[in-house]
Structure formats: C-alpha cells, structure tokens
Amino acid sequence: MVELIALYLAGLSFFFTGVEGISDNLRQLSGRRFRRMLVRATHNPVAAGLLGVGLGAITQSTSVVAFILSGMAASGLLPMSRALVVLAWSNVGTALLVFIAAMDLHLPILFLIGASGLILAFKLFNRWKPGFAGLLSIGLVFFGLDMAKQAFKPLTSSPGFTDAAKLFDLWPDAAFFLGIAMRTVVHSSSAAAAVTITINKGGMLGEFPAMMSIAGLGLGTALATYLLSSNLRGVPRQIAVFQSAGNIVACLLAAGLLLFERWSGEPLLMAMTHRLSATTSGRMAYMYLVLNLMIVFASLASLRWAPKWLAWWCPPTPDQDLSRPMYLQTEALNSPETALDLVALEQQRLVRAVSHFLEAARGDKAIRLKLLHVAAGQLGGEITHFLESLMSLPIGVDLTSQVIAFQRKEETLRALEENVFLFAEVLQNQGNLPEMAGRLVEALDTLVLTAMDALGTKDITDITLLVQLTEDRGGMMERLRGRLQLDAGQTAASIATLHYATTLFERNVWLLRQLALWLREDARLSAA
C-alpha cells in the first residue's frame, strides 16, 4: 500500500511539474511578433475560434491564454470582444489532455520524454529550445498521469476506497462536490478532469456520479478563478470575471440536464456519451468536452453586452488606460499624411502622465507611480513602433523629414518621462517634503504644464514662454546646492537625496528646453 501511494504521489508530482513547465515555456508567446499575428488572425471570427482552440490545446491552461490576452487587451492591441472570443474557444482546446488521459499511450510517452530530454541535454537545436522544453513538459504530464493510473488500479479495491464508493452509491449527487473540490485543489480544470478520470480507472464512481463530478469542475473553476483574481484590477479582472461567469452557466446547465435525465429517463447527456464511447473514462472525457462547449456557447451568447458590462463592473485602471493607444491604430498607416497628427495627440498623453508623476511626489497615494511609469513606457513603445512602421512606407522626402523630427521628439519625451519618474520616486520615498523639495516639485510642474500647452496649441507665444522658462540656470542650481549643505536641520541622508533630486530637476529642465527648441523650429518651418 505504501509503495502504491508513493507511486501515485510521484505521478502527481511529474504531472504538475509538467503542467507548470508548459505554462513557463509558452508564456513567452506574448512577444510583439506573436501578438501582431494574433491581431491579424482574430479579424475573422472563425479564425479567432480556431486560434483559441489551438492555444488551449498547446498550453492546456486557460489561465496562460488569459494572461496573453489580458496584456493585449490592456494595451489596446486587441479589442476586448475579440479577446473574449479567443478565450471562450480555448476552453475546448484544453479537452485534448482529458482525452489523452483516457487512453493508453505508455510507449509513445516514453519516446517523447526520451527524445526531447536528450535534445535538451546535448544542447541540440538551441534555436528551438523553448519548444523542446515544452514537449518535455507535455511528456512529463502524461507520464505522471500514467504512473497515477498504475497506482490506482490496485488502490481502488482497498477498504478505504470501497467505503468512499459506497458513499457515492448512496448519494450520487455528492460527486458534484467532488468535482468542485478537485478543481479547487488542482489549478487547471483539464488537469482536474484528467486526475478525476485517473482516480476512477478502477471504477470507484458509478456512471452518474462520474458525470456529476465532471459537471462540478465548472463551478470549481469559477470559484477558483474569481478568488485568485481578487487582487487584480481593470482588464485582467474583466477577463477573469468573464471566464467565471461562463463556467457557472455551463456548470449549472450540465448538472441540471444530468439530474433531469436521471429523474425523467429522457435520453440527454448520458445517453449521448453512451453512443460516443464504450468506457466510463471515455464518457467522462466526452462529458468534459460537452461542458466546455457549453462554456463557449454561453460566452458567445453574451458577447454583445459583456464588454460594456465588464467595463462597468471592473473599470480599467489609470495605468491601463494610459498604456492603451487612443489614436494610433494599424489603419492609420493607410493615411501617412494625417498619421503624424495622431502621433502628436499620443505624445500629449505621455506628457500628461508626466504631470501625474509630480502629483505622486506631492504625496497622492491614489497614484501608483511605478505602474503608471510602466504604462507610460508601453505607450512610448507603441508610439516608437508606429513611427518606425511609418518610415517603412513609400512616403515623400518632406514627410520623411517630419517623421524623423517626430522620432527625435519622441526620444526626448521618453527620456523626460524616465527622469521625471526618478525625480518623483526619490521625493515620494523621502516622505514629508522639505520646503526646498516642494519648491522644486512646483517649479517642474509649472514647466511641464507649459510644455503641455505648447504641444497642444503649437502657439508661438506658449513655445516662447517655455523657451524662456528653461533658459540655463546653472548658477542658481549651484546656489541651491550650497544652501542644502548649510541647512543643519537635515540629516546627511536627506541632504544626499535632495542633492540627487536637484540633479534630476536640472536634467528635466534641459530636456524640456530641447523639446521647446524643437517646437520653435517646427513652428518656424510650418510658417515658412
């Protein structure tokens, strides 16, 4: 008995190590090139559905698929409605693992582990290393299931399992809660279904309890997803809630149909699985597929109103709003002459975010400074990528010169964003700001607001004002540093921090001056 339990635990260890390995090796799919491919594929609803099935089959985890999609939806690269279609169909793809768990593939599994493991050990095909590492993880998943099957064959005849089987004979509906418990313990619904099928290899559950246990996985998935996403905000939370709602509807529908079939004798789900498979394991696998198809249909039926409702229930955070380009779309490249006007609008949003950094420096706890900085970096990356795409088009010499000028301005703005973030972070960590630090914040805020006006209006008066305000004041900054040294009321650490803040302030003023000079030159060229 001890050896069988050890074999079963080792099998579970291989299984979950493999599942985690699949997620880790395929999480890199969220790269830019792959995301662009997803955007193109999801223009067609049929292609989006097939893509979802494929992602679910490869990753064997809707959580990994949700991770990829939430990043794309949060950045505006993929509309929420398309992301929800792909996520809905990914549930069907996860059924592949469950069907394999119901088969006997001992020899192919050993070959898969051996071949992929040797390729990794001898560092062959290094370019495809993540792919072979993923294959090895898949092999470990199935090898672990195979070990668990071998352990459970004799275990199911033991007194403890016999007593448990009697409980389900007396109360068949209780198997529904077994499915909920399995999904709560196991972080993947397909993995929970595979383990449940493995446990039932020896016939511990009767036919109806086996089907009810699969139905219970839907509610377990909904509860686990909702609880695990409780610390998420905005778009990731929206996707988690959508997935939970689909699972709840499908679970209740499947359980209701099973109960109705049992009480009324009408041939429904169980009768259908009887026609599809002669074994209990096969019927459980088909039941899991039916459950996931119900999730898909429930999700697709709600697509008309789901995005608006989710946005109301879990509104995007300010940093998610910032990271999502508001004006730059792929279609804008079709009209290069007006594309730069859209770039200018996005750059104004970037400068507006810089002003929020200074609010955080003043002590506004509602602003999550680091997240806002990351979002600003994402927006800046999208602007840079858009300008690069614009340069690759067959455009005229004049427009090419303008694009190059915009690229220079974008480099300045991104450097400004980085430096103002460092300035705000230093002073935010300082706690209560000394009087001099507060003056630096107010002075920089005035300059940033002036830059926002100049960028928005492009009026020569606003631009000239920004040029005058950012004139070289090196002597004044040196006097400020000398005053810090004479201030005996500050600790050495505080004085060092303020010295660093004045250096960053000076750097930010210089960057704003470069921006002002660029705007003045652009205004002169436009007037000529």
Protein backbone atom coordinates (compact mmCIF):
# COMPACT_ATOMS: atom_id res chain seq x y z
CA MET A 1 0.00 0.00 0.00
CA VAL A 2 2.79 2.44 0.92
CA GLU A 3 4.54 1.78 -2.40
CA LEU A 4 1.33 2.43 -4.33
CA ILE A 5 0.72 5.70 -2.51
CA ALA A 6 4.33 6.74 -3.19
CA LEU A 7 3.86 5.85 -6.88
CA TYR A 8 0.68 7.91 -7.03
CA LEU A 9 2.30 10.93 -5.33
CA ALA A 10 5.31 10.71 -7.65
CA GLY A 11 2.94 10.59 -10.61
CA LEU A 12 1.13 13.70 -9.39
CA SER A 13 4.49 15.43 -8.92
CA PHE A 14 5.51 14.71 -12.52
CA PHE A 15 2.07 15.76 -13.70
CA PHE A 16 2.04 19.18 -12.02
CA THR A 17 5.71 19.84 -12.81
CA GLY A 18 4.88 19.21 -16.46
CA VAL A 19 1.81 21.46 -16.41
CA GLU A 20 3.86 24.27 -14.85
CA GLY A 21 6.62 23.71 -17.40
CA ILE A 22 4.18 24.04 -20.28
CA SER A 23 2.98 27.37 -18.89
CA ASP A 24 6.52 28.69 -18.29
CA ASN A 25 7.83 27.74 -21.74
CA LEU A 26 4.83 29.04 -23.64
CA ARG A 27 4.30 32.25 -21.67
CA GLN A 28 6.87 33.90 -23.93
CA LEU A 29 4.25 33.74 -26.70
CA SER A 30 3.22 37.21 -25.54
CA GLY A 31 6.06 38.77 -27.57
CA ARG A 32 5.33 41.59 -30.04
CA ARG A 33 5.58 39.45 -33.21
CA PHE A 34 3.22 36.82 -31.82
CA ARG A 35 0.77 39.48 -30.67
CA ARG A 36 0.69 41.07 -34.12
CA MET A 37 -0.07 37.64 -35.58
CA LEU A 38 -2.93 37.24 -33.10
CA VAL A 39 -4.38 40.61 -34.10
CA ARG A 40 -4.41 39.61 -37.77
CA ALA A 41 -5.87 36.16 -37.03
CA THR A 42 -8.71 37.47 -34.88
CA HIS A 43 -10.19 39.71 -37.59
CA ASN A 44 -12.12 36.62 -38.74
CA PRO A 45 -14.44 35.10 -36.06
CA VAL A 46 -13.86 31.56 -37.37
CA ALA A 47 -10.10 32.04 -37.33
CA ALA A 48 -10.34 33.54 -33.83
CA GLY A 49 -12.23 30.44 -32.65
CA LEU A 50 -9.69 28.06 -34.20
CA LEU A 51 -6.88 30.10 -32.70
CA GLY A 52 -8.48 29.80 -29.26
CA VAL A 53 -8.82 26.02 -29.62
CA GLY A 54 -5.18 25.79 -30.71
CA LEU A 55 -3.91 27.93 -27.82
CA GLY A 56 -5.95 25.90 -25.33
CA ALA A 57 -4.62 22.61 -26.75
CA ILE A 58 -0.99 23.81 -26.70
CA THR A 59 -0.95 25.49 -23.30
CA GLN A 60 -3.52 23.21 -21.62
CA SER A 61 -4.40 26.17 -19.42
CA THR A 62 -6.96 28.90 -19.99
CA SER A 63 -5.00 30.88 -17.37
CA VAL A 64 -2.00 31.13 -19.73
CA VAL A 65 -4.30 32.13 -22.60
CA ALA A 66 -5.96 34.73 -20.36
CA PHE A 67 -2.51 36.08 -19.40
CA ILE A 68 -1.59 36.62 -23.06
CA LEU A 69 -4.96 38.14 -23.95
CA SER A 70 -5.21 40.43 -20.91
CA GLY A 71 -1.89 42.08 -21.79
CA MET A 72 -3.03 42.61 -25.38
CA ALA A 73 -6.45 43.93 -24.39
CA ALA A 74 -5.00 46.22 -21.70
CA SER A 75 -2.60 47.78 -24.22
CA GLY A 76 -5.36 48.26 -26.81
CA LEU A 77 -3.67 45.91 -29.27
CA LEU A 78 -6.68 43.57 -29.27
CA PRO A 79 -10.31 44.69 -28.74
CA MET A 80 -11.95 43.12 -25.70
CA SER A 81 -14.68 41.46 -27.80
CA ARG A 82 -12.08 39.58 -29.89
CA ALA A 83 -10.08 38.61 -26.81
CA LEU A 84 -13.20 37.11 -25.24
CA VAL A 85 -13.89 35.01 -28.36
CA VAL A 86 -10.38 33.53 -28.30
CA LEU A 87 -10.63 32.89 -24.53
CA ALA A 88 -14.03 31.20 -24.87
CA TRP A 89 -12.83 28.73 -27.52
CA SER A 90 -9.60 27.99 -25.64
CA ASN A 91 -11.73 26.01 -23.17
CA VAL A 92 -12.42 23.45 -25.91
CA GLY A 93 -8.71 23.05 -26.65
CA THR A 94 -7.97 22.04 -23.06
CA ALA A 95 -10.11 18.91 -23.59
CA LEU A 96 -7.19 17.35 -25.51
CA LEU A 97 -5.42 16.48 -22.25
CA VAL A 98 -8.55 14.83 -20.89
CA PHE A 99 -8.96 12.58 -23.95
CA ILE A 100 -5.31 11.57 -23.80
CA ALA A 101 -5.72 10.75 -20.09
CA ALA A 102 -8.48 8.30 -21.07
CA MET A 103 -6.15 6.46 -23.49
CA ASP A 104 -3.20 4.09 -23.02
CA LEU A 105 -0.19 5.86 -24.53
CA HIS A 106 2.59 4.50 -22.32
CA LEU A 107 5.13 3.75 -25.08
CA PRO A 108 4.69 7.00 -27.10
CA ILE A 109 5.01 9.00 -23.88
CA LEU A 110 8.36 7.36 -23.06
CA PHE A 111 9.64 8.10 -26.58
CA LEU A 112 8.53 11.73 -26.28
CA ILE A 113 10.31 12.23 -22.93
CA GLY A 114 13.44 10.43 -24.11
CA ALA A 115 13.81 12.28 -27.41
CA SER A 116 13.06 15.80 -26.11
CA GLY A 117 15.16 15.26 -22.95
CA LEU A 118 18.22 14.11 -24.93
CA ILE A 119 17.91 17.04 -27.35
CA LEU A 120 17.93 19.46 -24.40
CA ALA A 121 20.75 17.60 -22.58
CA PHE A 122 23.08 17.68 -25.59
CA LYS A 123 22.02 21.26 -26.49
CA LEU A 124 20.85 20.36 -29.97
CA PHE A 125 18.66 22.79 -31.95
CA ASN A 126 19.23 25.58 -29.39
CA ARG A 127 17.12 27.90 -31.52
CA TRP A 128 14.08 25.74 -30.73
CA LYS A 129 14.98 25.12 -27.07
CA PRO A 130 11.70 26.51 -25.62
CA GLY A 131 9.71 24.28 -27.99
CA PHE A 132 11.55 21.10 -26.98
CA ALA A 133 11.34 22.12 -23.32
CA GLY A 134 7.58 22.42 -23.81
CA LEU A 135 7.47 18.92 -25.39
CA LEU A 136 9.39 17.52 -22.43
CA SER A 137 6.88 19.15 -20.07
CA ILE A 138 4.00 17.64 -22.06
CA GLY A 139 5.67 14.24 -21.79
CA LEU A 140 6.02 14.65 -18.01
CA VAL A 141 2.32 15.49 -17.76
CA PHE A 142 1.28 12.28 -19.48
CA PHE A 143 3.97 10.21 -17.74
CA GLY A 144 2.69 11.43 -14.37
CA LEU A 145 -0.87 10.51 -15.31
CA ASP A 146 0.29 7.07 -16.43
CA MET A 147 2.04 6.48 -13.07
CA ALA A 148 -1.09 7.60 -11.21
CA LYS A 149 -3.20 5.17 -13.26
CA GLN A 150 -0.90 2.28 -12.35
CA ALA A 151 -1.10 3.20 -8.66
CA PHE A 152 -4.88 3.49 -8.63
CA LYS A 153 -5.66 0.16 -10.24
CA PRO A 154 -4.97 -1.88 -7.06
CA LEU A 155 -5.81 1.01 -4.67
CA THR A 156 -9.44 1.08 -5.77
CA SER A 157 -10.01 -2.36 -4.23
CA SER A 158 -8.79 -1.25 -0.79
CA PRO A 159 -11.32 -0.82 2.09
CA GLY A 160 -11.00 2.99 2.19
CA PHE A 161 -11.86 3.44 -1.45
CA THR A 162 -14.64 0.88 -1.21
CA ASP A 163 -16.23 2.88 1.61
CA ALA A 164 -15.94 6.09 -0.44
CA ALA A 165 -17.57 4.34 -3.39
CA LYS A 166 -20.48 3.31 -1.16
CA LEU A 167 -20.98 6.96 -0.17
CA PHE A 168 -21.41 7.93 -3.83
CA ASP A 169 -23.74 4.94 -4.33
CA LEU A 170 -25.96 6.24 -1.51
CA TRP A 171 -25.71 9.88 -2.54
CA PRO A 172 -24.76 10.15 -6.26
CA ASP A 173 -25.28 13.91 -6.33
CA ALA A 174 -22.36 14.32 -3.88
CA ALA A 175 -19.96 13.64 -6.74
CA PHE A 176 -20.79 17.16 -7.94
CA PHE A 177 -18.97 18.50 -4.86
CA LEU A 178 -16.09 16.10 -5.54
CA GLY A 179 -15.60 17.91 -8.85
CA ILE A 180 -15.67 21.30 -7.11
CA ALA A 181 -13.10 20.10 -4.56
CA MET A 182 -10.82 18.63 -7.24
CA ARG A 183 -10.80 21.88 -9.21
CA THR A 184 -10.17 23.90 -6.06
CA VAL A 185 -7.08 21.79 -5.25
CA VAL A 186 -5.84 21.45 -8.85
CA HIS A 187 -5.19 24.80 -10.58
CA SER A 188 -6.23 23.61 -14.08
CA SER A 189 -9.70 22.34 -14.99
CA SER A 190 -8.33 19.97 -17.64
CA ALA A 191 -5.77 18.68 -15.14
CA ALA A 192 -8.52 18.20 -12.54
CA ALA A 193 -10.62 16.30 -15.08
CA ALA A 194 -7.63 14.12 -16.04
CA VAL A 195 -6.88 13.33 -12.38
CA THR A 196 -10.57 12.57 -11.74
CA ILE A 197 -10.62 10.16 -14.70
CA THR A 198 -7.42 8.55 -13.39
CA ILE A 199 -8.90 8.09 -9.91
CA ASN A 200 -11.97 6.48 -11.44
CA LYS A 201 -9.96 3.96 -13.52
CA GLY A 202 -10.79 1.25 -11.03
CA GLY A 203 -14.50 2.08 -11.07
CA MET A 204 -14.77 3.92 -7.75
CA LEU A 205 -17.54 6.13 -9.17
CA GLY A 206 -20.63 4.89 -10.92
CA GLU A 207 -21.69 6.34 -14.24
CA PHE A 208 -23.94 9.12 -12.96
CA PRO A 209 -21.57 10.26 -10.14
CA ALA A 210 -18.70 10.27 -12.66
CA MET A 211 -20.63 12.64 -14.92
CA MET A 212 -21.67 14.85 -11.99
CA SER A 213 -18.04 15.13 -10.87
CA ILE A 214 -17.13 16.49 -14.31
CA ALA A 215 -20.01 18.98 -14.17
CA GLY A 216 -18.80 20.17 -10.76
CA LEU A 217 -15.48 21.19 -12.29
CA GLY A 218 -17.23 24.18 -13.88
CA LEU A 219 -18.27 25.69 -10.55
CA GLY A 220 -14.88 24.86 -9.03
CA THR A 221 -13.17 26.68 -11.91
CA ALA A 222 -15.43 29.71 -11.46
CA LEU A 223 -14.76 29.91 -7.71
CA ALA A 224 -11.00 29.43 -8.07
CA THR A 225 -10.72 31.95 -10.92
CA TYR A 226 -12.78 34.58 -9.11
CA LEU A 227 -10.89 34.21 -5.82
CA LEU A 228 -7.43 34.13 -7.41
CA SER A 229 -8.24 37.26 -9.41
CA SER A 230 -9.45 39.21 -6.38
CA ASN A 231 -6.17 41.18 -6.29
CA LEU A 232 -6.36 42.03 -10.00
CA ARG A 233 -7.79 45.25 -11.34
CA GLY A 234 -9.07 46.50 -14.66
CA VAL A 235 -8.75 44.40 -17.82
CA PRO A 236 -7.20 41.23 -16.25
CA ARG A 237 -10.04 41.22 -13.72
CA GLN A 238 -12.60 41.64 -16.53
CA ILE A 239 -11.28 38.56 -18.33
CA ALA A 240 -11.30 36.53 -15.09
CA VAL A 241 -14.91 37.53 -14.33
CA PHE A 242 -15.97 36.67 -17.89
CA GLN A 243 -14.37 33.22 -17.60
CA SER A 244 -16.01 32.62 -14.21
CA ALA A 245 -19.46 33.61 -15.45
CA GLY A 246 -19.22 31.24 -18.45
CA ASN A 247 -18.18 28.37 -16.20
CA ILE A 248 -21.04 28.97 -13.75
CA VAL A 249 -23.67 28.98 -16.51
CA ALA A 250 -22.24 25.84 -18.15
CA CYS A 251 -21.88 24.02 -14.83
CA LEU A 252 -25.46 24.68 -13.73
CA LEU A 253 -26.80 23.76 -17.18
CA ALA A 254 -24.84 20.49 -17.33
CA ALA A 255 -25.76 19.47 -13.77
CA GLY A 256 -29.40 20.39 -14.39
CA LEU A 257 -29.57 18.30 -17.58
CA LEU A 258 -27.94 15.32 -15.85
CA LEU A 259 -30.40 15.47 -12.94
CA PHE A 260 -33.36 15.86 -15.30
CA GLU A 261 -32.17 12.88 -17.35
CA ARG A 262 -31.81 10.75 -14.22
CA TRP A 263 -35.23 11.64 -12.83
CA SER A 264 -37.21 11.66 -16.08
CA GLY A 265 -35.44 8.94 -18.05
CA GLU A 266 -35.25 11.19 -21.12
CA PRO A 267 -32.07 10.45 -23.17
CA LEU A 268 -29.86 13.54 -22.93
CA LEU A 269 -26.17 13.91 -22.00
CA MET A 270 -25.52 10.46 -20.57
CA ALA A 271 -27.26 8.78 -23.49
CA MET A 272 -25.15 10.82 -25.91
CA THR A 273 -21.86 9.83 -24.20
CA HIS A 274 -23.01 6.16 -24.31
CA ARG A 275 -23.20 6.37 -28.08
CA LEU A 276 -19.75 8.01 -28.30
CA SER A 277 -17.74 5.72 -26.00
CA ALA A 278 -17.96 2.24 -24.50
CA THR A 279 -15.85 3.03 -21.40
CA THR A 280 -16.57 5.20 -18.37
CA SER A 281 -13.28 7.07 -18.87
CA GLY A 282 -14.19 7.86 -22.47
CA ARG A 283 -17.65 9.05 -21.45
CA MET A 284 -16.14 11.32 -18.79
CA ALA A 285 -13.83 12.80 -21.41
CA TYR A 286 -16.76 13.48 -23.74
CA MET A 287 -18.69 14.98 -20.83
CA TYR A 288 -15.79 17.35 -20.20
CA LEU A 289 -15.85 18.34 -23.89
CA VAL A 290 -19.60 18.98 -23.69
CA LEU A 291 -19.10 21.11 -20.56
CA ASN A 292 -16.52 23.24 -22.35
CA LEU A 293 -18.71 23.61 -25.43
CA MET A 294 -21.43 24.90 -23.11
CA ILE A 295 -18.92 27.45 -21.75
CA VAL A 296 -18.21 28.55 -25.33
CA PHE A 297 -21.87 28.97 -26.27
CA ALA A 298 -22.70 30.76 -23.01
CA SER A 299 -19.74 33.11 -23.55
CA LEU A 300 -20.52 33.83 -27.20
CA ALA A 301 -24.18 34.47 -26.40
CA SER A 302 -23.13 37.27 -24.04
CA LEU A 303 -20.60 38.97 -26.33
CA ARG A 304 -22.98 41.80 -27.35
CA TRP A 305 -23.22 43.24 -23.88
CA ALA A 306 -20.31 41.58 -21.98
CA PRO A 307 -17.56 44.17 -22.80
CA LYS A 308 -19.68 47.11 -21.61
CA TRP A 309 -20.86 45.28 -18.51
CA LEU A 310 -17.32 44.16 -17.64
CA ALA A 311 -16.00 47.71 -18.11
CA TRP A 312 -18.66 48.91 -15.65
CA TRP A 313 -18.03 46.09 -13.15
CA CYS A 314 -14.20 46.25 -13.34
CA PRO A 315 -13.22 49.62 -14.86
CA PRO A 316 -9.71 49.89 -16.32
CA THR A 317 -7.11 51.43 -14.01
CA PRO A 318 -5.45 54.77 -14.95
CA ASP A 319 -2.23 52.98 -15.87
CA GLN A 320 -4.12 50.56 -18.16
CA ASP A 321 -5.87 53.49 -19.82
CA LEU A 322 -2.51 55.17 -20.38
CA SER A 323 -0.79 52.09 -21.83
CA ARG A 324 -3.55 51.70 -24.44
CA PRO A 325 -3.01 53.91 -27.54
CA MET A 326 -6.12 56.02 -28.01
CA TYR A 327 -5.42 57.31 -31.51
CA LEU A 328 -2.81 55.03 -33.09
CA GLN A 329 -4.38 52.13 -34.94
CA THR A 330 -2.97 49.99 -37.74
CA GLU A 331 -5.48 51.54 -40.15
CA ALA A 332 -3.93 54.98 -39.53
CA LEU A 333 -0.91 53.92 -41.59
CA ASN A 334 -3.15 53.96 -44.65
CA SER A 335 -3.09 57.76 -44.49
CA PRO A 336 0.52 58.77 -43.70
CA GLU A 337 -0.21 62.48 -44.21
CA THR A 338 -2.54 62.61 -41.19
CA ALA A 339 -0.78 59.93 -39.12
CA LEU A 340 1.62 62.42 -37.53
CA ASP A 341 -1.31 64.41 -36.12
CA LEU A 342 -2.37 61.25 -34.30
CA VAL A 343 1.18 60.73 -33.02
CA ALA A 344 1.13 64.29 -31.64
CA LEU A 345 -2.06 63.51 -29.70
CA GLU A 346 -0.49 60.40 -28.17
CA GLN A 347 2.61 62.39 -27.21
CA GLN A 348 0.40 64.88 -25.40
CA ARG A 349 -1.00 61.98 -23.37
CA LEU A 350 2.56 60.97 -22.50
CA VAL A 351 3.36 64.46 -21.16
CA ARG A 352 0.08 64.48 -19.23
CA ALA A 353 1.21 61.28 -17.49
CA VAL A 354 4.43 63.06 -16.50
CA SER A 355 2.37 65.66 -14.66
CA HIS A 356 0.70 62.82 -12.69
CA PHE A 357 4.15 61.70 -11.51
CA LEU A 358 4.53 65.05 -9.77
CA GLU A 359 1.19 64.59 -8.03
CA ALA A 360 2.60 61.36 -6.60
CA ALA A 361 5.70 63.28 -5.47
CA ARG A 362 3.39 65.62 -3.54
CA GLY A 363 2.08 62.58 -1.64
CA ASP A 364 -1.00 61.50 -3.60
CA LYS A 365 -1.28 57.83 -2.52
CA ALA A 366 -4.00 57.09 -5.11
CA ILE A 367 -1.44 57.28 -7.91
CA ARG A 368 0.50 54.04 -8.33
CA LEU A 369 3.71 55.63 -9.52
CA LYS A 370 5.61 52.55 -10.75
CA LEU A 371 2.62 51.10 -12.60
CA LEU A 372 1.98 54.45 -14.24
CA HIS A 373 5.64 54.59 -15.28
CA VAL A 374 5.42 51.10 -16.83
CA ALA A 375 2.24 52.11 -18.68
CA ALA A 376 3.90 55.28 -19.98
CA GLY A 377 6.80 53.14 -21.21
CA GLN A 378 4.37 50.86 -23.03
CA LEU A 379 2.67 53.83 -24.68
CA GLY A 380 6.05 55.25 -25.65
CA GLY A 381 6.99 51.90 -27.17
CA GLU A 382 3.81 51.84 -29.23
CA ILE A 383 4.49 55.39 -30.49
CA THR A 384 8.07 54.44 -31.42
CA HIS A 385 6.89 51.30 -33.22
CA PHE A 386 4.24 53.29 -35.11
CA LEU A 387 6.81 55.84 -36.28
CA GLU A 388 9.11 53.01 -37.42
CA SER A 389 6.23 51.49 -39.38
CA LEU A 390 5.54 54.89 -40.92
CA MET A 391 9.18 55.20 -42.02
CA SER A 392 8.98 51.83 -43.78
CA LEU A 393 6.21 53.11 -46.08
CA PRO A 394 6.91 54.68 -49.51
CA ILE A 395 6.48 58.32 -48.40
CA GLY A 396 7.87 61.56 -49.82
CA VAL A 397 11.02 63.39 -48.74
CA ASP A 398 9.15 66.14 -46.84
CA LEU A 399 7.07 63.65 -44.87
CA THR A 400 10.18 61.57 -44.16
CA SER A 401 11.86 64.64 -42.65
CA GLN A 402 8.81 65.25 -40.46
CA VAL A 403 8.78 61.63 -39.26
CA ILE A 404 12.48 61.83 -38.37
CA ALA A 405 11.78 65.03 -36.42
CA PHE A 406 8.94 63.28 -34.57
CA GLN A 407 11.27 60.42 -33.72
CA ARG A 408 13.74 62.88 -32.20
CA LYS A 409 10.94 64.47 -30.21
CA GLU A 410 9.76 61.04 -29.05
CA GLU A 411 13.26 60.20 -27.80
CA THR A 412 13.26 63.44 -25.82
CA LEU A 413 9.80 62.75 -24.36
CA ARG A 414 10.72 59.22 -23.31
CA ALA A 415 13.90 60.48 -21.63
CA LEU A 416 11.81 63.19 -19.90
CA GLU A 417 9.29 60.61 -18.70
CA GLU A 418 12.07 58.42 -17.28
CA ASN A 419 13.79 61.30 -15.48
CA VAL A 420 10.61 62.83 -14.04
CA PHE A 421 9.67 59.38 -12.76
CA LEU A 422 13.05 59.08 -10.99
CA PHE A 423 12.61 62.61 -9.59
CA ALA A 424 9.12 61.81 -8.28
CA GLU A 425 10.18 58.42 -6.89
CA VAL A 426 13.09 59.94 -4.94
CA LEU A 427 10.90 62.60 -3.35
CA GLN A 428 7.99 60.20 -2.74
CA ASN A 429 10.29 57.92 -0.75
CA GLN A 430 11.50 60.95 1.18
CA GLY A 431 8.11 61.22 2.94
CA ASN A 432 7.32 64.72 4.17
CA LEU A 433 8.94 67.03 1.63
CA PRO A 434 11.30 69.74 2.89
CA GLU A 435 10.36 73.24 1.78
CA MET A 436 13.05 73.35 -0.90
CA ALA A 437 11.98 69.97 -2.38
CA GLY A 438 8.40 71.19 -2.53
CA ARG A 439 9.53 74.25 -4.47
CA LEU A 440 11.38 72.03 -6.96
CA VAL A 441 8.22 69.99 -7.50
CA GLU A 442 6.11 73.10 -8.06
CA ALA A 443 8.67 74.61 -10.43
CA LEU A 444 8.93 71.44 -12.51
CA ASP A 445 5.13 71.08 -12.55
CA THR A 446 4.85 74.62 -13.96
CA LEU A 447 7.32 73.76 -16.73
CA VAL A 448 5.53 70.51 -17.57
CA LEU A 449 2.13 72.24 -17.74
CA THR A 450 3.63 74.91 -20.01
CA ALA A 451 5.04 72.16 -22.23
CA MET A 452 1.59 70.54 -22.39
CA ASP A 453 0.09 73.85 -23.54
CA ALA A 454 2.82 74.33 -26.15
CA LEU A 455 2.38 70.81 -27.50
CA GLY A 456 -1.40 71.18 -27.64
CA THR A 457 -1.75 74.66 -29.14
CA LYS A 458 1.60 74.92 -31.03
CA ASP A 459 1.16 78.64 -30.44
CA ILE A 460 4.41 80.59 -30.77
CA THR A 461 3.61 82.54 -27.58
CA ASP A 462 3.38 79.36 -25.49
CA ILE A 463 6.51 77.95 -27.13
CA THR A 464 8.47 81.17 -26.50
CA LEU A 465 7.38 81.13 -22.86
CA LEU A 466 8.67 77.54 -22.50
CA VAL A 467 11.98 78.53 -24.12
CA GLN A 468 12.39 81.46 -21.69
CA LEU A 469 11.47 79.38 -18.61
CA THR A 470 14.01 76.69 -19.47
CA GLU A 471 16.98 79.00 -20.05
CA ASP A 472 20.25 77.91 -18.43
CA ARG A 473 20.14 78.48 -14.68
CA GLY A 474 23.30 76.62 -13.67
CA GLY A 475 24.38 79.33 -11.23
CA MET A 476 21.04 79.26 -9.46
CA MET A 477 21.22 75.45 -9.06
CA GLU A 478 24.72 75.70 -7.56
CA ARG A 479 23.45 78.23 -5.01
CA LEU A 480 20.61 75.82 -4.13
CA ARG A 481 23.08 73.00 -3.53
CA GLY A 482 25.21 75.26 -1.33
CA ARG A 483 22.16 76.19 0.71
CA LEU A 484 21.44 72.48 1.27
CA GLN A 485 24.90 71.99 2.79
CA LEU A 486 24.37 74.87 5.20
CA ASP A 487 20.96 73.60 6.36
CA ALA A 488 21.77 71.92 9.69
CA GLY A 489 18.19 70.78 10.15
CA GLN A 490 18.58 67.97 7.60
CA THR A 491 20.27 64.59 8.06
CA ALA A 492 23.15 63.52 5.82
CA ALA A 493 20.88 61.03 4.02
CA SER A 494 18.22 63.68 3.46
CA ILE A 495 20.78 66.15 2.09
CA ALA A 496 22.15 63.45 -0.28
CA THR A 497 18.62 62.71 -1.51
CA LEU A 498 17.91 66.39 -2.14
CA HIS A 499 21.22 66.76 -3.98
CA TYR A 500 20.17 63.90 -6.28
CA ALA A 501 16.73 65.49 -6.73
CA THR A 502 18.29 68.81 -7.79
CA THR A 503 20.45 66.95 -10.35
CA LEU A 504 17.36 65.25 -11.77
CA PHE A 505 15.50 68.57 -11.75
CA GLU A 506 18.30 70.18 -13.75
CA ARG A 507 18.27 67.29 -16.23
CA ASN A 508 14.48 67.60 -16.65
CA VAL A 509 14.74 71.32 -17.32
CA TRP A 510 17.37 70.62 -20.00
CA LEU A 511 15.11 68.01 -21.65
CA LEU A 512 12.16 70.40 -21.60
CA ARG A 513 14.37 73.01 -23.24
CA GLN A 514 15.26 70.56 -26.05
CA LEU A 515 11.55 69.98 -26.53
CA ALA A 516 10.90 73.74 -26.59
CA LEU A 517 13.63 74.32 -29.19
CA TRP A 518 12.23 71.53 -31.35
CA LEU A 519 8.73 73.04 -31.15
CA ARG A 520 10.09 76.50 -32.06
CA GLU A 521 11.95 75.10 -35.06
CA ASP A 522 8.86 73.18 -36.18
CA ALA A 523 6.71 76.31 -35.84
CA ARG A 524 9.16 78.28 -38.00
CA LEU A 525 9.18 75.61 -40.72
CA SER A 526 5.38 75.49 -40.70
CA ALA A 527 5.15 79.28 -41.04
CA ALA A 528 7.67 79.37 -43.93
